[in-house]
C-alpha atoms as a PDB file:
ATOM      1  CA  MET A   1      40.087 -58.866  47.236  1.00  0.00           C
ATOM      2  CA  SER A   2      40.098 -61.248  44.315  1.00  0.00           C
ATOM      3  CA  ASP A   3      37.534 -63.862  45.331  1.00  0.00           C
ATOM      4  CA  LYS A   4      35.192 -64.746  42.515  1.00  0.00           C
ATOM      5  CA  GLY A   5      32.185 -62.432  42.465  1.00  0.00           C
ATOM      6  CA  THR A   6      33.621 -60.045  45.072  1.00  0.00           C
ATOM      7  CA  SER A   7      36.685 -58.587  43.344  1.00  0.00           C
ATOM      8  CA  ILE A   8      37.043 -54.813  43.305  1.00  0.00           C
ATOM      9  CA  GLY A   9      36.664 -55.033  39.512  1.00  0.00           C
ATOM     10  CA  THR A  10      33.253 -56.704  39.849  1.00  0.00           C
ATOM     11  CA  ILE A  11      32.153 -54.086  42.357  1.00  0.00           C
ATOM     12  CA  LEU A  12      33.290 -51.221  40.107  1.00  0.00           C
ATOM     13  CA  ARG A  13      31.499 -52.703  37.089  1.00  0.00           C
ATOM     14  CA  THR A  14      28.324 -52.897  39.160  1.00  0.00           C
ATOM     15  CA  LEU A  15      28.680 -49.263  40.202  1.00  0.00           C
ATOM     16  CA  PHE A  16      29.345 -48.159  36.601  1.00  0.00           C
ATOM     17  CA  ALA A  17      26.297 -50.069  35.367  1.00  0.00           C
ATOM     18  CA  ALA A  18      24.152 -48.505  38.100  1.00  0.00           C
ATOM     19  CA  GLY A  19      25.086 -45.018  36.916  1.00  0.00           C
ATOM     20  CA  TYR A  20      27.747 -43.965  39.401  1.00  0.00           C
ATOM     21  CA  ARG A  21      30.905 -42.164  38.361  1.00  0.00           C
ATOM     22  CA  VAL A  22      34.035 -43.561  39.931  1.00  0.00           C
ATOM     23  CA  ILE A  23      36.385 -40.646  40.601  1.00  0.00           C
ATOM     24  CA  LYS A  24      39.232 -42.381  42.413  1.00  0.00           C
ATOM     25  CA  VAL A  25      40.171 -45.846  43.676  1.00  0.00           C
ATOM     26  CA  GLU A  26      42.743 -46.154  46.455  1.00  0.00           C
ATOM     27  CA  ARG A  27      43.854 -49.390  48.095  1.00  0.00           C
ATOM     28  CA  ALA A  28      44.257 -49.082  51.865  1.00  0.00           C
ATOM     29  CA  SER A  29      45.434 -52.680  52.397  1.00  0.00           C
ATOM     30  CA  ALA A  30      45.242 -56.137  50.818  1.00  0.00           C
ATOM     31  CA  THR A  31      41.611 -56.426  51.992  1.00  0.00           C
ATOM     32  CA  SER A  32      40.411 -52.804  51.961  1.00  0.00           C
ATOM     33  CA  THR A  33      39.861 -50.246  49.185  1.00  0.00           C
ATOM     34  CA  PHE A  34      38.493 -46.691  49.232  1.00  0.00           C
ATOM     35  CA  VAL A  35      36.316 -45.669  46.262  1.00  0.00           C
ATOM     36  CA  ASN A  36      35.237 -42.057  45.617  1.00  0.00           C
ATOM     37  CA  LEU A  37      31.893 -41.945  43.818  1.00  0.00           C
ATOM     38  CA  VAL A  38      29.532 -39.366  42.394  1.00  0.00           C
ATOM     39  CA  GLY A  39      25.859 -40.199  41.929  1.00  0.00           C
ATOM     40  CA  VAL A  40      22.771 -38.203  40.933  1.00  0.00           C
ATOM     41  CA  ASP A  41      19.694 -38.014  43.146  1.00  0.00           C
ATOM     42  CA  LEU A  42      16.061 -37.750  42.061  1.00  0.00           C
ATOM     43  CA  LEU A  43      16.328 -33.971  41.782  1.00  0.00           C
ATOM     44  CA  ARG A  44      19.350 -34.304  39.436  1.00  0.00           C
ATOM     45  CA  ALA A  45      21.755 -33.021  42.114  1.00  0.00           C
ATOM     46  CA  GLU A  46      25.169 -34.656  42.441  1.00  0.00           C
ATOM     47  CA  VAL A  47      25.829 -36.699  45.562  1.00  0.00           C
ATOM     48  CA  LYS A  48      29.404 -37.463  46.666  1.00  0.00           C
ATOM     49  CA  ILE A  49      30.074 -40.816  48.331  1.00  0.00           C
ATOM     50  CA  LEU A  50      33.177 -42.340  49.886  1.00  0.00           C
ATOM     51  CA  ALA A  51      32.828 -46.118  49.915  1.00  0.00           C
ATOM     52  CA  LEU A  52      35.094 -48.426  51.884  1.00  0.00           C
ATOM     53  CA  VAL A  53      35.146 -51.920  50.405  1.00  0.00           C
ATOM     54  CA  THR A  54      36.587 -54.125  53.103  1.00  0.00           C
ATOM     55  CA  LYS A  55      36.739 -57.441  54.959  1.00  0.00           C
ATOM     56  CA  THR A  56      37.741 -55.749  58.224  1.00  0.00           C
ATOM     57  CA  TYR A  57      36.770 -52.541  60.004  1.00  0.00           C
ATOM     58  CA  GLY A  58      39.260 -51.673  62.682  1.00  0.00           C
ATOM     59  CA  LEU A  59      39.676 -48.373  64.485  1.00  0.00           C
ATOM     60  CA  GLY A  60      42.265 -47.095  61.980  1.00  0.00           C
ATOM     61  CA  LEU A  61      40.003 -47.663  58.953  1.00  0.00           C
ATOM     62  CA  LYS A  62      37.012 -46.227  60.830  1.00  0.00           C
ATOM     63  CA  ARG A  63      38.874 -42.999  61.629  1.00  0.00           C
ATOM     64  CA  ARG A  64      40.282 -42.711  58.109  1.00  0.00           C
ATOM     65  CA  LEU A  65      36.845 -43.211  56.508  1.00  0.00           C
ATOM     66  CA  GLU A  66      35.174 -40.595  58.706  1.00  0.00           C
ATOM     67  CA  LYS A  67      38.012 -38.059  58.439  1.00  0.00           C
ATOM     68  CA  GLN A  68      38.377 -38.397  54.665  1.00  0.00           C
ATOM     69  CA  ALA A  69      34.605 -38.274  54.069  1.00  0.00           C
ATOM     70  CA  ASP A  70      34.344 -35.122  56.201  1.00  0.00           C
ATOM     71  CA  ALA A  71      37.229 -33.429  54.351  1.00  0.00           C
ATOM     72  CA  GLU A  72      35.742 -34.300  50.941  1.00  0.00           C
ATOM     73  CA  HIS A  73      32.131 -33.464  51.944  1.00  0.00           C
ATOM     74  CA  SER A  74      31.138 -37.017  51.065  1.00  0.00           C
ATOM     75  CA  THR A  75      28.748 -39.532  52.591  1.00  0.00           C
ATOM     76  CA  PRO A  76      30.683 -42.480  54.047  1.00  0.00           C
ATOM     77  CA  ILE A  77      29.452 -46.033  53.419  1.00  0.00           C
ATOM     78  CA  VAL A  78      30.924 -49.489  53.896  1.00  0.00           C
ATOM     79  CA  ILE A  79      30.607 -52.374  51.441  1.00  0.00           C
ATOM     80  CA  SER A  80      31.290 -55.432  53.549  1.00  0.00           C
ATOM     81  CA  LEU A  81      33.020 -58.517  52.159  1.00  0.00           C
ATOM     82  CA  SER A  82      32.479 -60.299  55.467  1.00  0.00           C
ATOM     83  CA  SER A  83      29.185 -61.344  57.049  1.00  0.00           C
ATOM     84  CA  GLU A  84      30.711 -60.734  60.484  1.00  0.00           C
ATOM     85  CA  LEU A  85      31.633 -57.093  59.864  1.00  0.00           C
ATOM     86  CA  LYS A  86      29.842 -54.427  61.897  1.00  0.00           C
ATOM     87  CA  THR A  87      30.085 -50.646  61.550  1.00  0.00           C
ATOM     88  CA  THR A  88      29.347 -47.748  63.828  1.00  0.00           C
ATOM     89  CA  PRO A  89      25.969 -45.955  63.897  1.00  0.00           C
ATOM     90  CA  GLY A  90      25.555 -43.381  61.139  1.00  0.00           C
ATOM     91  CA  VAL A  91      27.687 -45.256  58.602  1.00  0.00           C
ATOM     92  CA  PRO A  92      25.536 -47.410  56.282  1.00  0.00           C
ATOM     93  CA  CYS A  93      26.934 -50.915  55.773  1.00  0.00           C
ATOM     94  CA  HIS A  94      25.920 -53.044  52.771  1.00  0.00           C
ATOM     95  CA  GLN A  95      26.782 -56.746  52.784  1.00  0.00           C
ATOM     96  CA  ILE A  96      28.201 -57.702  49.407  1.00  0.00           C
ATOM     97  CA  GLY A  97      25.229 -59.891  48.454  1.00  0.00           C
ATOM     98  CA  ASN A  98      22.738 -57.137  49.262  1.00  0.00           C
ATOM     99  CA  PHE A  99      24.962 -54.614  47.470  1.00  0.00           C
ATOM    100  CA  PHE A 100      24.709 -56.530  44.190  1.00  0.00           C
ATOM    101  CA  LYS A 101      20.983 -57.101  44.704  1.00  0.00           C
ATOM    102  CA  LEU A 102      20.378 -53.431  45.509  1.00  0.00           C
ATOM    103  CA  LEU A 103      22.145 -52.177  42.377  1.00  0.00           C
ATOM    104  CA  GLY A 104      20.890 -54.885  40.061  1.00  0.00           C
ATOM    105  CA  GLY A 105      18.115 -54.186  37.578  1.00  0.00           C
ATOM    106  CA  ALA A 106      15.636 -56.156  35.543  1.00  0.00           C
ATOM    107  CA  VAL A 107      16.182 -56.254  31.795  1.00  0.00           C
ATOM    108  CA  GLN A 108      13.227 -54.783  29.949  1.00  0.00           C
ATOM    109  CA  THR A 109      12.855 -57.086  26.946  1.00  0.00           C
ATOM    110  CA  ASP A 110       9.262 -56.488  25.867  1.00  0.00           C
ATOM    111  CA  ARG A 111      10.184 -53.903  23.215  1.00  0.00           C
ATOM    112  CA  ILE A 112      13.013 -55.900  21.630  1.00  0.00           C
ATOM    113  CA  PHE A 113      10.829 -59.016  21.340  1.00  0.00           C
ATOM    114  CA  ARG A 114       8.159 -57.282  19.280  1.00  0.00           C
ATOM    115  CA  PRO A 115       7.611 -58.989  15.917  1.00  0.00           C
ATOM    116  CA  ASP A 116       8.040 -55.645  14.160  1.00  0.00           C
ATOM    117  CA  LEU A 117      11.409 -54.913  15.793  1.00  0.00           C
ATOM    118  CA  PRO A 118      13.346 -55.300  12.501  1.00  0.00           C
ATOM    119  CA  ALA A 119      11.167 -52.710  10.752  1.00  0.00           C
ATOM    120  CA  ILE A 120      11.246 -50.307  13.718  1.00  0.00           C
ATOM    121  CA  ILE A 121      14.968 -50.405  14.424  1.00  0.00           C
ATOM    122  CA  ASN A 122      15.876 -50.290  10.744  1.00  0.00           C
ATOM    123  CA  SER A 123      13.739 -47.199  10.234  1.00  0.00           C
ATOM    124  CA  ILE A 124      15.183 -45.295  13.185  1.00  0.00           C
ATOM    125  CA  GLY A 125      18.677 -46.465  12.212  1.00  0.00           C
ATOM    126  CA  PHE A 126      18.226 -44.484   9.003  1.00  0.00           C
ATOM    127  CA  ASN A 127      16.904 -41.526  11.038  1.00  0.00           C
ATOM    128  CA  LYS A 128      13.248 -42.046  10.164  1.00  0.00           C
ATOM    129  CA  LEU A 129      10.489 -42.145  12.781  1.00  0.00           C
ATOM    130  CA  PRO A 130       8.088 -45.068  12.168  1.00  0.00           C
ATOM    131  CA  LYS A 131       4.362 -44.392  12.222  1.00  0.00           C
ATOM    132  CA  GLY A 132       2.811 -44.857  15.641  1.00  0.00           C
ATOM    133  CA  LEU A 133       6.090 -44.329  17.486  1.00  0.00           C
ATOM    134  CA  ALA A 134       6.773 -41.177  19.516  1.00  0.00           C
ATOM    135  CA  GLY A 135      10.177 -39.635  20.129  1.00  0.00           C
ATOM    136  CA  LYS A 136      13.330 -38.779  18.226  1.00  0.00           C
ATOM    137  CA  PRO A 137      15.012 -41.436  16.060  1.00  0.00           C
ATOM    138  CA  ASP A 138      18.451 -40.911  17.623  1.00  0.00           C
ATOM    139  CA  THR A 139      17.138 -41.294  21.182  1.00  0.00           C
ATOM    140  CA  LEU A 140      14.996 -44.303  20.262  1.00  0.00           C
ATOM    141  CA  LEU A 141      17.925 -45.981  18.512  1.00  0.00           C
ATOM    142  CA  GLU A 142      20.112 -45.462  21.562  1.00  0.00           C
ATOM    143  CA  GLU A 143      17.438 -46.900  23.884  1.00  0.00           C
ATOM    144  CA  ILE A 144      16.579 -49.943  21.760  1.00  0.00           C
ATOM    145  CA  SER A 145      20.219 -50.685  20.919  1.00  0.00           C
ATOM    146  CA  SER A 146      21.000 -50.654  24.644  1.00  0.00           C
ATOM    147  CA  GLU A 147      18.205 -53.122  25.342  1.00  0.00           C
ATOM    148  CA  CYS A 148      19.313 -55.388  22.482  1.00  0.00           C
ATOM    149  CA  LEU A 149      22.938 -55.444  23.665  1.00  0.00           C
ATOM    150  CA  ARG A 150      21.954 -55.997  27.291  1.00  0.00           C
ATOM    151  CA  TYR A 151      19.916 -59.027  26.230  1.00  0.00           C
ATOM    152  CA  LEU A 152      22.498 -60.458  23.822  1.00  0.00           C
ATOM    153  CA  LEU A 153      25.522 -60.031  26.093  1.00  0.00           C
ATOM    154  CA  ASP A 154      23.553 -60.993  29.219  1.00  0.00           C
ATOM    155  CA  CYS A 155      25.672 -58.651  31.322  1.00  0.00           C
ATOM    156  CA  PRO A 156      25.622 -55.356  33.228  1.00  0.00           C
ATOM    157  CA  LEU A 157      25.220 -52.437  30.838  1.00  0.00           C
ATOM    158  CA  ARG A 158      25.251 -48.718  31.525  1.00  0.00           C
ATOM    159  CA  ARG A 159      23.587 -46.281  29.155  1.00  0.00           C
ATOM    160  CA  TYR A 160      25.011 -42.848  29.906  1.00  0.00           C
ATOM    161  CA  GLY A 161      21.984 -40.882  28.719  1.00  0.00           C
ATOM    162  CA  GLN A 162      21.115 -37.350  29.788  1.00  0.00           C
ATOM    163  CA  ASP A 163      23.158 -37.279  32.995  1.00  0.00           C
ATOM    164  CA  ARG A 164      26.420 -37.250  30.960  1.00  0.00           C
ATOM    165  CA  LEU A 165      25.069 -35.195  28.066  1.00  0.00           C
ATOM    166  CA  PHE A 166      27.857 -32.622  27.871  1.00  0.00           C
ATOM    167  CA  GLU A 167      30.762 -35.015  28.336  1.00  0.00           C
ATOM    168  CA  SER A 168      32.753 -36.696  25.573  1.00  0.00           C
ATOM    169  CA  LEU A 169      31.284 -40.173  25.930  1.00  0.00           C
ATOM    170  CA  PRO A 170      29.701 -42.889  23.794  1.00  0.00           C
ATOM    171  CA  ASP A 171      26.097 -43.939  24.387  1.00  0.00           C
ATOM    172  CA  GLY A 172      27.067 -46.569  26.928  1.00  0.00           C
ATOM    173  CA  ILE A 173      29.273 -49.389  28.127  1.00  0.00           C
ATOM    174  CA  ALA A 174      28.657 -53.131  28.510  1.00  0.00           C
ATOM    175  CA  PHE A 175      30.700 -55.244  30.917  1.00  0.00           C
ATOM    176  CA  ALA A 176      30.644 -58.656  29.275  1.00  0.00           C
ATOM    177  CA  ARG A 177      32.205 -61.833  30.615  1.00  0.00           C
ATOM    178  CA  SER A 178      35.941 -62.518  30.726  1.00  0.00           C
ATOM    179  CA  ASN A 179      36.758 -58.829  31.263  1.00  0.00           C
ATOM    180  CA  THR A 180      35.451 -58.001  27.784  1.00  0.00           C
ATOM    181  CA  ASN A 181      34.317 -54.391  27.971  1.00  0.00           C
ATOM    182  CA  PHE A 182      32.402 -52.921  25.041  1.00  0.00           C
ATOM    183  CA  TYR A 183      31.757 -49.238  24.481  1.00  0.00           C
ATOM    184  CA  TYR A 184      28.837 -48.704  22.099  1.00  0.00           C
ATOM    185  CA  ASP A 185      27.561 -45.751  20.089  1.00  0.00           C
ATOM    186  CA  ALA A 186      24.297 -45.670  18.109  1.00  0.00           C
ATOM    187  CA  LYS A 187      24.081 -43.353  15.095  1.00  0.00           C
ATOM    188  CA  ALA A 188      20.691 -42.537  13.550  1.00  0.00           C
ATOM    189  CA  TYR A 189      21.885 -41.423  10.142  1.00  0.00           C
ATOM    190  CA  THR A 190      20.246 -40.692   6.809  1.00  0.00           C
ATOM    191  CA  GLY A 191      22.090 -42.906   4.338  1.00  0.00           C
ATOM    192  CA  PHE A 192      25.194 -44.868   5.287  1.00  0.00           C
ATOM    193  CA  TYR A 193      27.215 -43.829   8.320  1.00  0.00           C
ATOM    194  CA  HIS A 194      31.003 -43.631   7.964  1.00  0.00           C
ATOM    195  CA  PRO A 195      33.113 -42.160  10.813  1.00  0.00           C
ATOM    196  CA  SER A 196      34.798 -38.849  10.048  1.00  0.00           C
ATOM    197  CA  ALA A 197      38.304 -37.961  11.194  1.00  0.00           C
ATOM    198  CA  ASP A 198      36.715 -35.973  14.048  1.00  0.00           C
ATOM    199  CA  ASP A 199      34.621 -39.013  15.015  1.00  0.00           C
ATOM    200  CA  ILE A 200      37.730 -41.188  15.215  1.00  0.00           C
ATOM    201  CA  LYS A 201      39.522 -38.580  17.321  1.00  0.00           C
ATOM    202  CA  ARG A 202      36.548 -38.326  19.699  1.00  0.00           C
ATOM    203  CA  PHE A 203      36.165 -42.121  19.932  1.00  0.00           C
ATOM    204  CA  ALA A 204      39.854 -42.460  20.812  1.00  0.00           C
ATOM    205  CA  GLU A 205      39.644 -39.748  23.445  1.00  0.00           C
ATOM    206  CA  TYR A 206      36.928 -41.391  25.480  1.00  0.00           C
ATOM    207  CA  ILE A 207      38.451 -44.864  25.100  1.00  0.00           C
ATOM    208  CA  ASN A 208      41.851 -43.612  26.268  1.00  0.00           C
ATOM    209  CA  ASP A 209      40.237 -41.737  29.146  1.00  0.00           C
ATOM    210  CA  PHE A 210      38.436 -44.870  30.359  1.00  0.00           C
ATOM    211  CA  ASN A 211      41.540 -47.039  30.007  1.00  0.00           C
ATOM    212  CA  ASP A 212      43.708 -44.533  31.875  1.00  0.00           C
ATOM    213  CA  ARG A 213      41.245 -44.334  34.751  1.00  0.00           C
ATOM    214  CA  TYR A 214      39.921 -47.864  35.144  1.00  0.00           C
ATOM    215  CA  ALA A 215      41.851 -50.489  33.144  1.00  0.00           C
ATOM    216  CA  THR A 216      43.794 -51.585  36.228  1.00  0.00           C
ATOM    217  CA  PHE A 217      40.551 -52.538  37.962  1.00  0.00           C
ATOM    218  CA  VAL A 218      38.060 -53.616  35.290  1.00  0.00           C
ATOM    219  CA  GLY A 219      40.160 -54.135  32.156  1.00  0.00           C
ATOM    220  CA  ARG A 220      40.518 -52.082  28.984  1.00  0.00           C
ATOM    221  CA  ILE A 221      37.854 -51.282  26.400  1.00  0.00           C
ATOM    222  CA  PHE A 222      38.052 -54.301  24.114  1.00  0.00           C
ATOM    223  CA  ARG A 223      35.927 -53.028  21.239  1.00  0.00           C
ATOM    224  CA  LEU A 224      33.779 -50.083  20.196  1.00  0.00           C
ATOM    225  CA  LEU A 225      30.440 -51.211  18.767  1.00  0.00           C
ATOM    226  CA  VAL A 226      28.999 -48.705  16.274  1.00  0.00           C
ATOM    227  CA  ILE A 227      25.313 -49.202  15.464  1.00  0.00           C
ATOM    228  CA  SER A 228      23.487 -47.562  12.551  1.00  0.00           C
ATOM    229  CA  GLY A 229      21.199 -48.323   9.626  1.00  0.00           C
ATOM    230  CA  GLY A 230      24.087 -49.098   7.280  1.00  0.00           C
ATOM    231  CA  PHE A 231      27.762 -48.528   6.603  1.00  0.00           C
ATOM    232  CA  SER A 232      30.246 -48.083   3.796  1.00  0.00           C
ATOM    233  CA  LYS A 233      30.402 -51.010   1.372  1.00  0.00           C
ATOM    234  CA  SER A 234      34.149 -50.581   1.023  1.00  0.00           C
ATOM    235  CA  GLU A 235      36.071 -53.047   3.189  1.00  0.00           C
ATOM    236  CA  LYS A 236      39.195 -50.987   2.561  1.00  0.00           C
ATOM    237  CA  ALA A 237      37.544 -47.804   3.858  1.00  0.00           C
ATOM    238  CA  ILE A 238      36.309 -49.610   6.972  1.00  0.00           C
ATOM    239  CA  ALA A 239      39.757 -51.105   7.585  1.00  0.00           C
ATOM    240  CA  GLU A 240      41.385 -47.683   7.256  1.00  0.00           C
ATOM    241  CA  LYS A 241      39.079 -46.213   9.913  1.00  0.00           C
ATOM    242  CA  ASN A 242      39.821 -49.141  12.223  1.00  0.00           C
ATOM    243  CA  ASN A 243      43.546 -48.708  11.673  1.00  0.00           C
ATOM    244  CA  ASP A 244      43.229 -45.002  12.510  1.00  0.00           C
ATOM    245  CA  LEU A 245      41.385 -45.752  15.763  1.00  0.00           C
ATOM    246  CA  ASP A 246      43.744 -48.590  16.650  1.00  0.00           C
ATOM    247  CA  ALA A 247      46.748 -46.295  16.225  1.00  0.00           C
ATOM    248  CA  ARG A 248      45.229 -43.750  18.605  1.00  0.00           C
ATOM    249  CA  CYS A 249      43.945 -46.022  21.391  1.00  0.00           C
ATOM    250  CA  GLY A 250      44.681 -49.693  20.641  1.00  0.00           C
ATOM    251  CA  THR A 251      40.994 -50.516  20.062  1.00  0.00           C
ATOM    252  CA  GLN A 252      39.032 -51.255  16.895  1.00  0.00           C
ATOM    253  CA  MET A 253      35.386 -50.987  15.874  1.00  0.00           C
ATOM    254  CA  THR A 254      32.667 -53.463  15.014  1.00  0.00           C
ATOM    255  CA  PHE A 255      30.045 -51.885  12.735  1.00  0.00           C
ATOM    256  CA  ILE A 256      26.616 -53.392  13.473  1.00  0.00           C
ATOM    257  CA  SER A 257      23.727 -52.590  11.146  1.00  0.00           C
ATOM    258  CA  THR A 258      20.302 -52.315  12.743  1.00  0.00           C
ATOM    259  CA  SER A 259      19.039 -55.207  10.618  1.00  0.00           C
ATOM    260  CA  ALA A 260      21.921 -57.431  11.800  1.00  0.00           C
ATOM    261  CA  LEU A 261      21.236 -56.432  15.422  1.00  0.00           C
ATOM    262  CA  ALA A 262      17.554 -57.375  15.086  1.00  0.00           C
ATOM    263  CA  GLU A 263      18.516 -60.683  13.416  1.00  0.00           C
ATOM    264  CA  SER A 264      20.857 -61.471  16.285  1.00  0.00           C
ATOM    265  CA  VAL A 265      18.172 -60.845  18.925  1.00  0.00           C
ATOM    266  CA  ALA A 266      15.760 -63.124  17.040  1.00  0.00           C
ATOM    267  CA  LEU A 267      18.453 -65.796  16.769  1.00  0.00           C
ATOM    268  CA  MET A 268      19.356 -65.730  20.458  1.00  0.00           C
ATOM    269  CA  ARG A 269      15.741 -65.624  21.597  1.00  0.00           C
ATOM    270  CA  LYS A 270      15.472 -69.227  20.368  1.00  0.00           C
ATOM    271  CA  ARG A 271      18.713 -70.100  22.187  1.00  0.00           C
ATOM    272  CA  SER A 272      18.527 -67.872  25.254  1.00  0.00           C
ATOM    273  CA  GLN A 273      20.445 -70.296  27.478  1.00  0.00           C
ATOM    274  CA  GLN A 274      23.425 -70.185  25.126  1.00  0.00           C
ATOM    275  CA  ARG A 275      24.117 -66.485  25.661  1.00  0.00           C
ATOM    276  CA  SER A 276      26.472 -67.184  28.559  1.00  0.00           C
ATOM    277  CA  ALA A 277      28.599 -69.477  26.378  1.00  0.00           C
ATOM    278  CA  VAL A 278      28.955 -67.180  23.361  1.00  0.00           C
ATOM    279  CA  SER A 279      32.473 -65.840  22.792  1.00  0.00           C
ATOM    280  CA  TRP A 280      31.548 -62.258  21.981  1.00  0.00           C
ATOM    281  CA  ARG A 281      35.232 -61.465  21.464  1.00  0.00           C
ATOM    282  CA  ASN A 282      35.071 -63.669  18.379  1.00  0.00           C
ATOM    283  CA  VAL A 283      31.570 -62.702  17.286  1.00  0.00           C
ATOM    284  CA  PHE A 284      32.176 -58.949  17.410  1.00  0.00           C
ATOM    285  CA  ALA A 285      35.316 -58.990  15.281  1.00  0.00           C
ATOM    286  CA  PRO A 286      36.675 -55.767  13.733  1.00  0.00           C
ATOM    287  CA  GLY A 287      34.852 -54.602  10.613  1.00  0.00           C
ATOM    288  CA  VAL A 288      31.233 -54.953   9.529  1.00  0.00           C
ATOM    289  CA  TYR A 289      29.327 -57.470  11.651  1.00  0.00           C
ATOM    290  CA  SER A 290      27.221 -60.236  10.151  1.00  0.00           C
ATOM    291  CA  SER A 291      24.764 -62.301  12.179  1.00  0.00           C
ATOM    292  CA  ALA A 292      26.235 -65.307  10.336  1.00  0.00           C
ATOM    293  CA  ARG A 293      29.147 -65.090  12.801  1.00  0.00           C
ATOM    294  CA  LEU A 294      26.726 -65.542  15.689  1.00  0.00           C
ATOM    295  CA  THR A 295      25.034 -68.450  13.889  1.00  0.00           C
ATOM    296  CA  GLU A 296      28.397 -70.213  13.551  1.00  0.00           C
ATOM    297  CA  GLU A 297      29.150 -69.581  17.222  1.00  0.00           C
ATOM    298  CA  CYS A 298      25.796 -71.111  18.203  1.00  0.00           C
ATOM    299  CA  LYS A 299      26.554 -74.184  16.058  1.00  0.00           C
ATOM    300  CA  ARG A 300      29.848 -74.600  17.920  1.00  0.00           C
ATOM    301  CA  ILE A 301      28.047 -74.413  21.264  1.00  0.00           C
ATOM    302  CA  GLU A 302      25.473 -76.950  20.098  1.00  0.00           C
ATOM    303  CA  LYS A 303      28.243 -79.290  18.948  1.00  0.00           C
ATOM    304  CA  ASP A 304      29.800 -79.142  22.423  1.00  0.00           C
ATOM    305  CA  ALA A 305      26.421 -80.388  23.747  1.00  0.00           C
ATOM    306  CA  ILE A 306      26.976 -78.866  27.202  1.00  0.00           C
ATOM    307  CA  ILE A 307      24.249 -76.216  27.120  1.00  0.00           C
ATOM    308  CA  LYS A 308      20.878 -77.194  25.689  1.00  0.00           C
END
């Protein structure tokens, strides 16, 4: 199941981005995989699903799907990798193209393209609510940062939000190209934010948990993006925190100030077509991020003269 666009990794990323929790992944054959999912319905109740991702649907798979779904009190569904595949009545079947279309979502960019975005995001980054804006600075920063990253990376992004409120998780995850997975955490903070020892321990815990569960299918967490109004001016202090995190989970942090994030959105708005060619692995290097890195990357793309 490794055809471009229909790999199990692509399917799992789509489910993550749509808000599903993947509990277990079990290969049944070279062309069939069972995926246990948990979703949340409109009344905030959990819904258990057993999905069979497959190119074939013989009697053995049919019986296994129905028996396992019944034992686990789950709803059985089939995600078909073949246009010829047919299922039995009572088992929903989603062709792979319709599956991606069904779980896809439009990117809401109106807020991040406002001319006053720099002033707004910088204010909430320092935990101050701008005049005329309703809500809490930390929630607003999380929402706007998510929209900015979704636009910049041009990829599926899942903001965990209220449905994972009591779990040890960052604000969200972005599944960028080339199996480059970014966790991100937005911190509305009065003054300059600098991770504590407890922060580093918590960051490492949820990175290790993700890698242990899903790295085989969708790749490891490549980088943790930390977004706030400002950070320590000491390169040594930043490096020490990155070394601490790296020692615990093999991942480092990119510290993105709200002003740099707004600058990057403004920069890419003029070069929207180039987003797919940006090497975000290089742009989001460990340490404090500068939009100058993105400017240099755009110059390289322009020099290649492939994307206008």
